[in-house]
Amino acid sequence: MILELAILHVKAGKQLAFENDFITASQYIAAIDGYIRHSLKKCIEVENQYVLLVEWSSLEAHEIGFRQSPQYLKWKELLHDYYDPFPQVFHYGDLPQKI
C-alpha cells in the first residue's frame, strides 16, 4: 500500500467552493483501479490549508492509472484552479515490520 500526501493551499475565500467541488471530484479518483480510499482534512490553524491523503495499491496506480486517465482530466478541471501555490505530492510506503 502506498500513501499519497498533498498539502493543499486553497486561494483565500474559495474554501467552500473547493470543498463542494472536491465532493464531486471524489467520484473520479474513486473509479480508478488500485484506489483504496481517501480523506481530506481541513487545517485548524490555517484557514485555507487542507491535507489530502489517498491510499493506493501501488505507486503506478496513482502515477499511471490515475494521472493518465480521463478521470484525472475531470479532477484537474474541477480542482486545480483553487491552489496557490500548486501542491507538491509525496508518496509513502510502509516500513518492514521487525519481530
Foldseek 3Di string as FASTA:
>chain_A
DKKKKKKFQFPPPCQVLQVVLVVVLVVLLVPWPFWDDKDKAADPPDHRIIMIITGGNDPCSPPPRRCVDPSVVVSCVSHVVGGVVGIDMDMDDDDDDDD
